[in-house]
Amino acid sequence: MIQPEEVIRDEDGMWTHSAMPHSDYEFIPLAWFTDQGLEVATVEFENDADEQLTDTWFETGHTDCSGWEPSKPPGEGWFVFSIHDGEDGPVCVWLRQAPPVGIDSEGGSHD
């Protein structure tokens, strides 16, 4: 079971969980997370970081997002899996254990 780890970002503000599968592909298929019993949410730097940080990133080419503290998705149990550079700038991938079948992500039951 994948558990939260301490996030120690590199000099550019990037970090990856030790459970990240190693692959020649640029992305991890959503099925991998589902097979691990996880829910996934992403937060994009360009829509989440303050304007000064995004201006610096996109206008000057200075690729440092260490000043960005990605917003946590709504709900309980989220932890950071990766902060990495994507096609449109940095992305934070959040994970949490998927609720048991019949229970929604906020703890309510499906009747």
N, C-alpha and C. Protein backbone atom coordinates (compact mmCIF):
# COMPACT_ATOMS: atom_id res chain seq x y z
N MET A 1 0.84 -1.17 0.00
CA MET A 1 0.00 0.00 0.00
C MET A 1 0.90 1.26 0.00
N ILE A 2 0.63 2.16 -0.90
CA ILE A 2 1.43 3.39 -1.00
C ILE A 2 1.01 4.34 0.11
N GLN A 3 1.99 4.81 0.85
CA GLN A 3 1.77 5.70 1.98
C GLN A 3 2.42 7.05 1.73
N PRO A 4 1.98 8.09 2.45
CA PRO A 4 2.64 9.40 2.31
C PRO A 4 4.11 9.32 2.70
N GLU A 5 4.92 10.16 2.06
CA GLU A 5 6.33 10.30 2.39
C GLU A 5 6.62 11.78 2.62
N GLU A 6 7.72 12.03 3.31
CA GLU A 6 8.15 13.41 3.49
C GLU A 6 8.54 13.97 2.13
N VAL A 7 8.00 15.15 1.82
CA VAL A 7 8.28 15.80 0.54
C VAL A 7 9.48 16.71 0.71
N ILE A 8 10.59 16.33 0.08
CA ILE A 8 11.81 17.15 0.09
C ILE A 8 12.11 17.51 -1.35
N ARG A 9 11.74 18.73 -1.70
CA ARG A 9 11.82 19.16 -3.10
C ARG A 9 13.25 19.52 -3.47
N ASP A 10 13.58 19.32 -4.77
CA ASP A 10 14.92 19.66 -5.25
C ASP A 10 15.04 21.17 -5.47
N GLU A 11 16.16 21.59 -6.01
CA GLU A 11 16.44 23.02 -6.16
C GLU A 11 15.46 23.72 -7.10
N ASP A 12 14.75 22.97 -7.94
CA ASP A 12 13.75 23.55 -8.83
C ASP A 12 12.32 23.36 -8.31
N GLY A 13 12.20 22.77 -7.13
CA GLY A 13 10.89 22.59 -6.53
C GLY A 13 10.19 21.30 -6.91
N MET A 14 10.90 20.38 -7.55
CA MET A 14 10.31 19.12 -7.99
C MET A 14 10.53 18.03 -6.95
N TRP A 15 9.67 17.01 -6.99
CA TRP A 15 9.80 15.87 -6.08
C TRP A 15 8.95 14.73 -6.61
N THR A 16 9.40 13.50 -6.37
CA THR A 16 8.66 12.31 -6.78
C THR A 16 8.70 11.27 -5.67
N HIS A 17 7.55 10.69 -5.39
CA HIS A 17 7.40 9.64 -4.38
C HIS A 17 8.25 8.43 -4.78
N SER A 18 8.79 7.73 -3.80
CA SER A 18 9.64 6.57 -4.09
C SER A 18 8.88 5.42 -4.75
N ALA A 19 7.55 5.41 -4.64
CA ALA A 19 6.75 4.34 -5.26
C ALA A 19 6.43 4.61 -6.72
N MET A 20 6.90 5.73 -7.25
CA MET A 20 6.65 6.03 -8.67
C MET A 20 7.23 4.92 -9.51
N PRO A 21 6.41 4.30 -10.37
CA PRO A 21 6.94 3.24 -11.22
C PRO A 21 7.92 3.80 -12.24
N HIS A 22 8.94 3.06 -12.52
CA HIS A 22 9.92 3.47 -13.53
C HIS A 22 9.46 2.95 -14.87
N SER A 23 9.41 3.84 -15.84
CA SER A 23 8.86 3.48 -17.14
C SER A 23 9.49 4.36 -18.21
N ASP A 24 9.45 3.86 -19.44
CA ASP A 24 9.91 4.66 -20.57
C ASP A 24 8.81 5.60 -21.06
N TYR A 25 7.61 5.45 -20.51
CA TYR A 25 6.49 6.29 -20.90
C TYR A 25 6.54 7.62 -20.17
N GLU A 26 5.92 8.64 -20.76
CA GLU A 26 5.92 9.97 -20.15
C GLU A 26 4.88 10.10 -19.04
N PHE A 27 3.92 9.19 -18.98
CA PHE A 27 2.88 9.28 -17.98
C PHE A 27 2.56 7.89 -17.43
N ILE A 28 1.92 7.88 -16.28
CA ILE A 28 1.49 6.62 -15.67
C ILE A 28 0.01 6.46 -16.01
N PRO A 29 -0.38 5.32 -16.55
CA PRO A 29 -1.81 5.12 -16.85
C PRO A 29 -2.65 5.19 -15.58
N LEU A 30 -3.83 5.79 -15.70
CA LEU A 30 -4.74 5.90 -14.56
C LEU A 30 -5.03 4.54 -13.94
N ALA A 31 -5.06 3.49 -14.76
CA ALA A 31 -5.32 2.14 -14.26
C ALA A 31 -4.29 1.71 -13.22
N TRP A 32 -3.05 2.18 -13.32
CA TRP A 32 -2.03 1.82 -12.34
C TRP A 32 -2.46 2.29 -10.95
N PHE A 33 -2.95 3.52 -10.87
CA PHE A 33 -3.39 4.07 -9.58
C PHE A 33 -4.61 3.31 -9.06
N THR A 34 -5.57 3.04 -9.95
CA THR A 34 -6.77 2.31 -9.58
C THR A 34 -6.41 0.92 -9.05
N ASP A 35 -5.47 0.27 -9.72
CA ASP A 35 -5.02 -1.06 -9.28
C ASP A 35 -4.36 -1.01 -7.90
N GLN A 36 -3.82 0.14 -7.53
CA GLN A 36 -3.20 0.32 -6.23
C GLN A 36 -4.22 0.73 -5.16
N GLY A 37 -5.50 0.89 -5.57
CA GLY A 37 -6.55 1.30 -4.63
C GLY A 37 -6.49 2.78 -4.31
N LEU A 38 -6.06 3.59 -5.28
CA LEU A 38 -5.86 5.02 -5.05
C LEU A 38 -6.76 5.89 -5.92
N GLU A 39 -7.10 7.04 -5.38
CA GLU A 39 -7.73 8.10 -6.15
C GLU A 39 -6.63 9.10 -6.51
N VAL A 40 -6.79 9.77 -7.65
CA VAL A 40 -5.80 10.71 -8.13
C VAL A 40 -6.47 12.07 -8.36
N ALA A 41 -5.76 13.12 -8.00
CA ALA A 41 -6.18 14.49 -8.34
C ALA A 41 -4.93 15.25 -8.76
N THR A 42 -5.07 16.15 -9.71
CA THR A 42 -3.93 16.96 -10.13
C THR A 42 -4.25 18.43 -9.93
N VAL A 43 -3.21 19.17 -9.61
CA VAL A 43 -3.30 20.62 -9.46
C VAL A 43 -2.22 21.20 -10.36
N GLU A 44 -2.62 22.08 -11.26
CA GLU A 44 -1.69 22.68 -12.22
C GLU A 44 -1.16 24.01 -11.71
N PHE A 45 0.14 24.15 -11.80
CA PHE A 45 0.85 25.36 -11.39
C PHE A 45 0.24 26.61 -12.01
N GLU A 46 -0.03 26.58 -13.33
CA GLU A 46 -0.50 27.78 -14.01
C GLU A 46 -1.85 28.26 -13.50
N ASN A 47 -2.65 27.37 -12.90
CA ASN A 47 -3.96 27.75 -12.36
C ASN A 47 -3.97 27.88 -10.84
N ASP A 48 -2.86 27.56 -10.19
CA ASP A 48 -2.84 27.49 -8.73
C ASP A 48 -1.82 28.42 -8.09
N ALA A 49 -0.68 28.63 -8.74
CA ALA A 49 0.40 29.45 -8.16
C ALA A 49 0.06 30.94 -8.29
N ASP A 50 0.72 31.76 -7.48
CA ASP A 50 0.46 33.19 -7.59
C ASP A 50 1.04 33.75 -8.89
N GLU A 51 0.54 34.90 -9.28
CA GLU A 51 0.87 35.48 -10.58
C GLU A 51 2.36 35.74 -10.75
N GLN A 52 3.04 36.18 -9.71
CA GLN A 52 4.48 36.44 -9.82
C GLN A 52 5.25 35.17 -10.17
N LEU A 53 4.91 34.06 -9.51
CA LEU A 53 5.58 32.80 -9.80
C LEU A 53 5.30 32.32 -11.23
N THR A 54 4.03 32.40 -11.64
CA THR A 54 3.71 31.93 -12.99
C THR A 54 4.34 32.83 -14.05
N ASP A 55 4.37 34.14 -13.80
CA ASP A 55 5.03 35.05 -14.75
C ASP A 55 6.50 34.70 -14.90
N THR A 56 7.15 34.46 -13.77
CA THR A 56 8.57 34.12 -13.79
C THR A 56 8.80 32.83 -14.57
N TRP A 57 7.96 31.83 -14.31
CA TRP A 57 8.10 30.53 -14.98
C TRP A 57 7.88 30.65 -16.49
N PHE A 58 6.76 31.24 -16.87
CA PHE A 58 6.37 31.23 -18.28
C PHE A 58 7.01 32.32 -19.13
N GLU A 59 7.33 33.46 -18.53
CA GLU A 59 7.86 34.58 -19.32
C GLU A 59 9.38 34.63 -19.36
N THR A 60 10.03 34.18 -18.29
CA THR A 60 11.50 34.28 -18.26
C THR A 60 12.18 32.94 -18.52
N GLY A 61 11.43 31.87 -18.42
CA GLY A 61 12.03 30.56 -18.62
C GLY A 61 12.78 30.05 -17.40
N HIS A 62 12.68 30.78 -16.28
CA HIS A 62 13.33 30.36 -15.04
C HIS A 62 12.49 29.23 -14.44
N THR A 63 12.95 28.01 -14.57
CA THR A 63 12.17 26.83 -14.20
C THR A 63 12.35 26.43 -12.74
N ASP A 64 11.85 27.28 -11.87
CA ASP A 64 11.90 27.02 -10.44
C ASP A 64 10.51 27.24 -9.87
N CYS A 65 9.90 26.17 -9.39
CA CYS A 65 8.57 26.30 -8.80
C CYS A 65 8.61 26.05 -7.29
N SER A 66 9.79 26.18 -6.70
CA SER A 66 9.94 25.86 -5.28
C SER A 66 9.11 26.79 -4.37
N GLY A 67 8.72 27.96 -4.85
CA GLY A 67 7.87 28.86 -4.07
C GLY A 67 6.39 28.50 -4.13
N TRP A 68 6.04 27.52 -4.95
CA TRP A 68 4.65 27.10 -5.10
C TRP A 68 4.30 26.04 -4.07
N GLU A 69 3.25 26.29 -3.33
CA GLU A 69 2.70 25.29 -2.41
C GLU A 69 1.36 24.85 -3.01
N PRO A 70 1.35 23.71 -3.71
CA PRO A 70 0.13 23.26 -4.38
C PRO A 70 -1.06 23.13 -3.43
N SER A 71 -2.21 23.60 -3.89
CA SER A 71 -3.44 23.48 -3.11
C SER A 71 -3.87 22.03 -3.01
N LYS A 72 -4.29 21.63 -1.81
CA LYS A 72 -4.77 20.27 -1.59
C LYS A 72 -6.20 20.17 -2.11
N PRO A 73 -6.53 19.07 -2.79
CA PRO A 73 -7.91 18.88 -3.25
C PRO A 73 -8.87 18.81 -2.07
N PRO A 74 -10.16 19.07 -2.32
CA PRO A 74 -11.14 18.96 -1.24
C PRO A 74 -11.24 17.53 -0.72
N GLY A 75 -11.54 17.40 0.53
CA GLY A 75 -11.69 16.08 1.14
C GLY A 75 -10.49 15.73 1.99
N GLU A 76 -10.57 14.59 2.63
CA GLU A 76 -9.54 14.13 3.56
C GLU A 76 -8.61 13.11 2.93
N GLY A 77 -7.41 13.00 3.50
CA GLY A 77 -6.50 11.91 3.18
C GLY A 77 -5.55 12.11 2.02
N TRP A 78 -5.54 13.27 1.38
CA TRP A 78 -4.66 13.49 0.22
C TRP A 78 -3.21 13.64 0.64
N PHE A 79 -2.31 13.10 -0.17
CA PHE A 79 -0.87 13.31 0.02
C PHE A 79 -0.22 13.48 -1.35
N VAL A 80 0.92 14.16 -1.36
CA VAL A 80 1.62 14.45 -2.61
C VAL A 80 2.32 13.19 -3.12
N PHE A 81 2.14 12.91 -4.40
CA PHE A 81 2.82 11.81 -5.06
C PHE A 81 3.94 12.32 -5.96
N SER A 82 3.72 13.49 -6.56
CA SER A 82 4.72 14.03 -7.46
C SER A 82 4.47 15.52 -7.69
N ILE A 83 5.54 16.26 -7.77
CA ILE A 83 5.52 17.63 -8.29
C ILE A 83 6.55 17.60 -9.41
N HIS A 84 6.06 17.73 -10.64
CA HIS A 84 6.95 17.57 -11.79
C HIS A 84 6.54 18.53 -12.90
N ASP A 85 7.43 18.69 -13.86
CA ASP A 85 7.14 19.55 -15.00
C ASP A 85 6.33 18.76 -16.01
N GLY A 86 5.18 19.28 -16.36
CA GLY A 86 4.32 18.66 -17.36
C GLY A 86 4.39 19.45 -18.67
N GLU A 87 3.49 19.15 -19.57
CA GLU A 87 3.47 19.82 -20.87
C GLU A 87 3.21 21.32 -20.75
N ASP A 88 2.40 21.71 -19.76
CA ASP A 88 2.03 23.12 -19.59
C ASP A 88 2.55 23.69 -18.29
N GLY A 89 3.72 23.25 -17.86
CA GLY A 89 4.30 23.73 -16.61
C GLY A 89 4.13 22.70 -15.51
N PRO A 90 4.56 23.05 -14.30
CA PRO A 90 4.52 22.10 -13.19
C PRO A 90 3.10 21.62 -12.87
N VAL A 91 3.05 20.40 -12.38
CA VAL A 91 1.81 19.75 -11.96
C VAL A 91 2.09 19.05 -10.64
N CYS A 92 1.13 19.11 -9.74
CA CYS A 92 1.21 18.33 -8.50
C CYS A 92 0.19 17.22 -8.59
N VAL A 93 0.64 15.98 -8.41
CA VAL A 93 -0.25 14.83 -8.39
C VAL A 93 -0.49 14.47 -6.92
N TRP A 94 -1.75 14.50 -6.54
CA TRP A 94 -2.18 14.14 -5.20
C TRP A 94 -2.82 12.76 -5.23
N LEU A 95 -2.61 11.97 -4.19
CA LEU A 95 -3.22 10.65 -4.05
C LEU A 95 -3.90 10.52 -2.70
N ARG A 96 -4.86 9.61 -2.65
CA ARG A 96 -5.43 9.16 -1.38
C ARG A 96 -6.00 7.78 -1.60
N GLN A 97 -6.14 7.06 -0.52
CA GLN A 97 -6.73 5.73 -0.61
C GLN A 97 -8.17 5.88 -1.09
N ALA A 98 -8.55 5.06 -2.05
CA ALA A 98 -9.92 5.09 -2.56
C ALA A 98 -10.86 4.58 -1.46
N PRO A 99 -12.03 5.18 -1.36
CA PRO A 99 -12.98 4.69 -0.34
C PRO A 99 -13.46 3.29 -0.68
N PRO A 100 -13.86 2.52 0.32
CA PRO A 100 -14.41 1.19 0.05
C PRO A 100 -15.62 1.30 -0.87
N VAL A 101 -15.88 0.26 -1.63
CA VAL A 101 -17.03 0.22 -2.52
C VAL A 101 -18.29 0.50 -1.71
N GLY A 102 -19.14 1.39 -2.22
CA GLY A 102 -20.37 1.74 -1.53
C GLY A 102 -20.23 2.96 -0.65
N ILE A 103 -19.00 3.49 -0.49
CA ILE A 103 -18.75 4.69 0.30
C ILE A 103 -18.19 5.75 -0.63
N ASP A 104 -18.75 6.97 -0.58
CA ASP A 104 -18.21 8.02 -1.45
C ASP A 104 -16.97 8.63 -0.81
N SER A 105 -16.26 9.49 -1.55
CA SER A 105 -14.99 10.04 -1.10
C SER A 105 -15.12 10.97 0.10
N GLU A 106 -16.34 11.35 0.46
CA GLU A 106 -16.54 12.21 1.62
C GLU A 106 -17.04 11.40 2.83
N GLY A 107 -17.11 10.08 2.68
CA GLY A 107 -17.47 9.22 3.79
C GLY A 107 -18.94 8.83 3.83
N GLY A 108 -19.75 9.33 2.91
CA GLY A 108 -21.16 8.97 2.86
C GLY A 108 -21.38 7.67 2.11
N SER A 109 -22.49 7.03 2.38
CA SER A 109 -22.75 5.78 1.68
C SER A 109 -23.60 6.03 0.44
N HIS A 110 -23.49 5.10 -0.50
CA HIS A 110 -24.29 5.13 -1.71
C HIS A 110 -25.49 4.22 -1.49
N ASP A 111 -26.66 4.76 -1.48
CA ASP A 111 -27.87 3.93 -1.31
C ASP A 111 -28.69 3.94 -2.55
